[in-house]
């Protein structure tokens, strides 16, 4: 995964998480926040494991 794609995905997932916390209520908020949060964690782990190198 290219660094640009990685950080765009990180930003989108983080934005979804923040918006879900402010707009949604109840179980839907919990589910959307959990899925978006896991996505953010996965992107950070991918970055840490693969480092800064780009796959081309």
PDB file of N, CA and C in Angstrom:
ATOM      1  N   UNK A   1       0.854  -1.166   0.000  1.00  0.00           N
ATOM      2  CA  UNK A   1       0.000   0.000   0.000  1.00  0.00           C
ATOM      3  C   UNK A   1       0.904   1.235   0.000  1.00  0.00           C
ATOM      4  N   UNK A   2       0.623   2.127  -0.895  1.00  0.00           N
ATOM      5  CA  UNK A   2       1.385   3.370  -1.006  1.00  0.00           C
ATOM      6  C   UNK A   2       1.094   4.260   0.210  1.00  0.00           C
ATOM      7  N   UNK A   3       2.070   5.040   0.620  1.00  0.00           N
ATOM      8  CA  UNK A   3       1.893   5.903   1.795  1.00  0.00           C
ATOM      9  C   UNK A   3       0.741   6.886   1.624  1.00  0.00           C
ATOM     10  N   UNK A   4       0.563   7.413   0.424  1.00  0.00           N
ATOM     11  CA  UNK A   4      -0.525   8.363   0.186  1.00  0.00           C
ATOM     12  C   UNK A   4      -1.875   7.699   0.421  1.00  0.00           C
ATOM     13  N   UNK A   5      -2.048   6.507  -0.120  1.00  0.00           N
ATOM     14  CA  UNK A   5      -3.300   5.765   0.063  1.00  0.00           C
ATOM     15  C   UNK A   5      -3.504   5.427   1.529  1.00  0.00           C
ATOM     16  N   UNK A   6      -2.420   5.032   2.184  1.00  0.00           N
ATOM     17  CA  UNK A   6      -2.500   4.657   3.600  1.00  0.00           C
ATOM     18  C   UNK A   6      -3.008   5.824   4.451  1.00  0.00           C
ATOM     19  N   UNK A   7      -2.467   7.030   4.225  1.00  0.00           N
ATOM     20  CA  UNK A   7      -2.851   8.164   5.075  1.00  0.00           C
ATOM     21  C   UNK A   7      -4.202   8.742   4.681  1.00  0.00           C
ATOM     22  N   UNK A   8      -4.588   8.617   3.426  1.00  0.00           N
ATOM     23  CA  UNK A   8      -5.948   9.015   3.038  1.00  0.00           C
ATOM     24  C   UNK A   8      -6.957   8.086   3.708  1.00  0.00           C
ATOM     25  N   UNK A   9      -6.697   6.791   3.685  1.00  0.00           N
ATOM     26  CA  UNK A   9      -7.574   5.826   4.341  1.00  0.00           C
ATOM     27  C   UNK A   9      -7.642   6.088   5.843  1.00  0.00           C
ATOM     28  N   UNK A  10      -6.494   6.391   6.448  1.00  0.00           N
ATOM     29  CA  UNK A  10      -6.448   6.723   7.868  1.00  0.00           C
ATOM     30  C   UNK A  10      -7.345   7.927   8.171  1.00  0.00           C
ATOM     31  N   UNK A  11      -7.219   8.980   7.364  1.00  0.00           N
ATOM     32  CA  UNK A  11      -8.025  10.185   7.567  1.00  0.00           C
ATOM     33  C   UNK A  11      -9.514   9.941   7.386  1.00  0.00           C
ATOM     34  N   UNK A  12      -9.869   9.168   6.380  1.00  0.00           N
ATOM     35  CA  UNK A  12     -11.291   8.870   6.133  1.00  0.00           C
ATOM     36  C   UNK A  12     -11.867   8.061   7.284  1.00  0.00           C
ATOM     37  N   UNK A  13     -11.155   7.033   7.725  1.00  0.00           N
ATOM     38  CA  UNK A  13     -11.655   6.213   8.834  1.00  0.00           C
ATOM     39  C   UNK A  13     -11.742   7.005  10.132  1.00  0.00           C
ATOM     40  N   UNK A  14     -10.774   7.859  10.374  1.00  0.00           N
ATOM     41  CA  UNK A  14     -10.811   8.690  11.575  1.00  0.00           C
ATOM     42  C   UNK A  14     -11.976   9.679  11.524  1.00  0.00           C
ATOM     43  N   UNK A  15     -12.221  10.245  10.353  1.00  0.00           N
ATOM     44  CA  UNK A  15     -13.353  11.157  10.184  1.00  0.00           C
ATOM     45  C   UNK A  15     -14.679  10.444  10.401  1.00  0.00           C
ATOM     46  N   UNK A  16     -14.800   9.238   9.853  1.00  0.00           N
ATOM     47  CA  UNK A  16     -16.024   8.444  10.058  1.00  0.00           C
ATOM     48  C   UNK A  16     -16.229   8.169  11.537  1.00  0.00           C
ATOM     49  N   UNK A  17     -15.161   7.858  12.243  1.00  0.00           N
ATOM     50  CA  UNK A  17     -15.262   7.580  13.673  1.00  0.00           C
ATOM     51  C   UNK A  17     -15.723   8.814  14.449  1.00  0.00           C
ATOM     52  N   UNK A  18     -15.155   9.958  14.155  1.00  0.00           N
ATOM     53  CA  UNK A  18     -15.530  11.196  14.855  1.00  0.00           C
ATOM     54  C   UNK A  18     -16.972  11.582  14.545  1.00  0.00           C
ATOM     55  N   UNK A  19     -17.353  11.513  13.283  1.00  0.00           N
ATOM     56  CA  UNK A  19     -18.724  11.865  12.894  1.00  0.00           C
ATOM     57  C   UNK A  19     -19.721  10.899  13.532  1.00  0.00           C
ATOM     58  N   UNK A  20     -19.393   9.609  13.557  1.00  0.00           N
ATOM     59  CA  UNK A  20     -20.284   8.618  14.173  1.00  0.00           C
ATOM     60  C   UNK A  20     -20.485   8.915  15.653  1.00  0.00           C
ATOM     61  N   UNK A  21     -19.429   9.333  16.322  1.00  0.00           N
ATOM     62  CA  UNK A  21     -19.544   9.639  17.752  1.00  0.00           C
ATOM     63  C   UNK A  21     -20.394  10.872  18.008  1.00  0.00           C
ATOM     64  N   UNK A  22     -20.436  11.798  17.070  1.00  0.00           N
ATOM     65  CA  UNK A  22     -21.184  13.036  17.272  1.00  0.00           C
ATOM     66  C   UNK A  22     -22.598  12.996  16.719  1.00  0.00           C
ATOM     67  N   UNK A  23     -22.875  12.150  15.746  1.00  0.00           N
ATOM     68  CA  UNK A  23     -24.170  12.172  15.067  1.00  0.00           C
ATOM     69  C   UNK A  23     -25.049  10.998  15.475  1.00  0.00           C
ATOM     70  N   UNK A  24     -24.487   9.809  15.515  1.00  0.00           N
ATOM     71  CA  UNK A  24     -25.290   8.608  15.766  1.00  0.00           C
ATOM     72  C   UNK A  24     -25.510   8.396  17.257  1.00  0.00           C
ATOM     73  N   UNK A  25     -26.499   7.570  17.563  1.00  0.00           N
ATOM     74  CA  UNK A  25     -26.776   7.222  18.954  1.00  0.00           C
ATOM     75  C   UNK A  25     -27.036   5.733  19.067  1.00  0.00           C
ATOM     76  N   UNK A  26     -26.852   5.215  20.248  1.00  0.00           N
ATOM     77  CA  UNK A  26     -27.183   3.823  20.528  1.00  0.00           C
ATOM     78  C   UNK A  26     -26.207   2.830  19.930  1.00  0.00           C
ATOM     79  N   UNK A  27     -26.768   1.669  19.589  1.00  0.00           N
ATOM     80  CA  UNK A  27     -25.956   0.562  19.093  1.00  0.00           C
ATOM     81  C   UNK A  27     -25.288   0.879  17.769  1.00  0.00           C
ATOM     82  N   UNK A  28     -25.945   1.665  16.931  1.00  0.00           N
ATOM     83  CA  UNK A  28     -25.362   2.003  15.633  1.00  0.00           C
ATOM     84  C   UNK A  28     -24.063   2.784  15.812  1.00  0.00           C
ATOM     85  N   UNK A  29     -24.030   3.688  16.767  1.00  0.00           N
ATOM     86  CA  UNK A  29     -22.815   4.441  17.063  1.00  0.00           C
ATOM     87  C   UNK A  29     -21.689   3.507  17.492  1.00  0.00           C
ATOM     88  N   UNK A  30     -22.017   2.548  18.336  1.00  0.00           N
ATOM     89  CA  UNK A  30     -21.012   1.612  18.841  1.00  0.00           C
ATOM     90  C   UNK A  30     -20.446   0.767  17.714  1.00  0.00           C
ATOM     91  N   UNK A  31     -21.323   0.261  16.850  1.00  0.00           N
ATOM     92  CA  UNK A  31     -20.871  -0.601  15.755  1.00  0.00           C
ATOM     93  C   UNK A  31     -20.012   0.171  14.759  1.00  0.00           C
ATOM     94  N   UNK A  32     -20.472   1.339  14.335  1.00  0.00           N
ATOM     95  CA  UNK A  32     -19.717   2.132  13.360  1.00  0.00           C
ATOM     96  C   UNK A  32     -18.383   2.582  13.956  1.00  0.00           C
ATOM     97  N   UNK A  33     -18.386   3.003  15.200  1.00  0.00           N
ATOM     98  CA  UNK A  33     -17.140   3.434  15.844  1.00  0.00           C
ATOM     99  C   UNK A  33     -16.161   2.275  15.996  1.00  0.00           C
ATOM    100  N   UNK A  34     -16.664   1.104  16.333  1.00  0.00           N
ATOM    101  CA  UNK A  34     -15.790  -0.056  16.495  1.00  0.00           C
ATOM    102  C   UNK A  34     -15.156  -0.459  15.167  1.00  0.00           C
ATOM    103  N   UNK A  35     -15.943  -0.500  14.109  1.00  0.00           N
ATOM    104  CA  UNK A  35     -15.414  -0.893  12.798  1.00  0.00           C
ATOM    105  C   UNK A  35     -14.418   0.151  12.287  1.00  0.00           C
ATOM    106  N   UNK A  36     -14.761   1.425  12.412  1.00  0.00           N
ATOM    107  CA  UNK A  36     -13.849   2.480  11.960  1.00  0.00           C
ATOM    108  C   UNK A  36     -12.587   2.494  12.820  1.00  0.00           C
ATOM    109  N   UNK A  37     -12.730   2.290  14.106  1.00  0.00           N
ATOM    110  CA  UNK A  37     -11.573   2.252  14.997  1.00  0.00           C
ATOM    111  C   UNK A  37     -10.640   1.094  14.681  1.00  0.00           C
ATOM    112  N   UNK A  38     -11.205  -0.072  14.384  1.00  0.00           N
ATOM    113  CA  UNK A  38     -10.382  -1.214  13.998  1.00  0.00           C
ATOM    114  C   UNK A  38      -9.651  -0.941  12.688  1.00  0.00           C
ATOM    115  N   UNK A  39     -10.321  -0.238  11.780  1.00  0.00           N
ATOM    116  CA  UNK A  39      -9.672   0.133  10.524  1.00  0.00           C
ATOM    117  C   UNK A  39      -8.496   1.066  10.741  1.00  0.00           C
ATOM    118  N   UNK A  40      -8.668   2.040  11.619  1.00  0.00           N
ATOM    119  CA  UNK A  40      -7.583   2.975  11.943  1.00  0.00           C
ATOM    120  C   UNK A  40      -6.408   2.215  12.558  1.00  0.00           C
ATOM    121  N   UNK A  41      -6.701   1.330  13.481  1.00  0.00           N
ATOM    122  CA  UNK A  41      -5.651   0.534  14.118  1.00  0.00           C
ATOM    123  C   UNK A  41      -4.932  -0.336  13.088  1.00  0.00           C
ATOM    124  N   UNK A  42      -5.682  -0.913  12.150  1.00  0.00           N
ATOM    125  CA  UNK A  42      -5.078  -1.749  11.113  1.00  0.00           C
ATOM    126  C   UNK A  42      -4.141  -0.940  10.216  1.00  0.00           C
ATOM    127  N   UNK A  43      -4.532   0.279   9.878  1.00  0.00           N
ATOM    128  CA  UNK A  43      -3.678   1.123   9.040  1.00  0.00           C
ATOM    129  C   UNK A  43      -2.397   1.481   9.788  1.00  0.00           C
ATOM    130  N   UNK A  44      -2.494   1.797  11.061  1.00  0.00           N
ATOM    131  CA  UNK A  44      -1.301   2.135  11.850  1.00  0.00           C
ATOM    132  C   UNK A  44      -0.395   0.912  11.990  1.00  0.00           C
ATOM    133  N   UNK A  45      -0.960  -0.258  12.238  1.00  0.00           N
ATOM    134  CA  UNK A  45      -0.156  -1.476  12.338  1.00  0.00           C
ATOM    135  C   UNK A  45       0.528  -1.770  11.008  1.00  0.00           C
ATOM    136  N   UNK A  46      -0.199  -1.604   9.914  1.00  0.00           N
ATOM    137  CA  UNK A  46       0.388  -1.800   8.588  1.00  0.00           C
ATOM    138  C   UNK A  46       1.572  -0.864   8.384  1.00  0.00           C
ATOM    139  N   UNK A  47       1.419   0.374   8.794  1.00  0.00           N
ATOM    140  CA  UNK A  47       2.508   1.355   8.666  1.00  0.00           C
ATOM    141  C   UNK A  47       3.707   0.941   9.514  1.00  0.00           C
ATOM    142  N   UNK A  48       3.453   0.508  10.734  1.00  0.00           N
ATOM    143  CA  UNK A  48       4.554   0.136  11.631  1.00  0.00           C
ATOM    144  C   UNK A  48       5.273  -1.117  11.152  1.00  0.00           C
ATOM    145  N   UNK A  49       4.545  -2.071  10.607  1.00  0.00           N
ATOM    146  CA  UNK A  49       5.165  -3.319  10.165  1.00  0.00           C
ATOM    147  C   UNK A  49       5.924  -3.152   8.851  1.00  0.00           C
ATOM    148  N   UNK A  50       5.348  -2.395   7.931  1.00  0.00           N
ATOM    149  CA  UNK A  50       5.966  -2.252   6.619  1.00  0.00           C
ATOM    150  C   UNK A  50       6.890  -1.048   6.539  1.00  0.00           C
ATOM    151  N   UNK A  51       6.763  -0.141   7.464  1.00  0.00           N
ATOM    152  CA  UNK A  51       7.617   1.043   7.459  1.00  0.00           C
ATOM    153  C   UNK A  51       7.177   2.045   6.410  1.00  0.00           C
ATOM    154  N   UNK A  52       8.099   2.878   6.024  1.00  0.00           N
ATOM    155  CA  UNK A  52       7.781   3.972   5.126  1.00  0.00           C
ATOM    156  C   UNK A  52       7.962   3.606   3.659  1.00  0.00           C
ATOM    157  N   UNK A  53       8.473   2.440   3.379  1.00  0.00           N
ATOM    158  CA  UNK A  53       8.752   2.110   1.984  1.00  0.00           C
ATOM    159  C   UNK A  53       7.468   1.962   1.181  1.00  0.00           C
ATOM    160  N   UNK A  54       7.531   2.330  -0.068  1.00  0.00           N
ATOM    161  CA  UNK A  54       6.394   2.247  -0.969  1.00  0.00           C
ATOM    162  C   UNK A  54       6.499   0.975  -1.790  1.00  0.00           C
ATOM    163  N   UNK A  55       5.366   0.363  -2.027  1.00  0.00           N
ATOM    164  CA  UNK A  55       5.313  -0.822  -2.880  1.00  0.00           C
ATOM    165  C   UNK A  55       4.939  -0.350  -4.271  1.00  0.00           C
ATOM    166  N   UNK A  56       5.811  -0.583  -5.225  1.00  0.00           N
ATOM    167  CA  UNK A  56       5.531  -0.141  -6.602  1.00  0.00           C
ATOM    168  C   UNK A  56       5.679  -1.263  -7.557  1.00  0.00           C
TER     169      UNK A  56
END
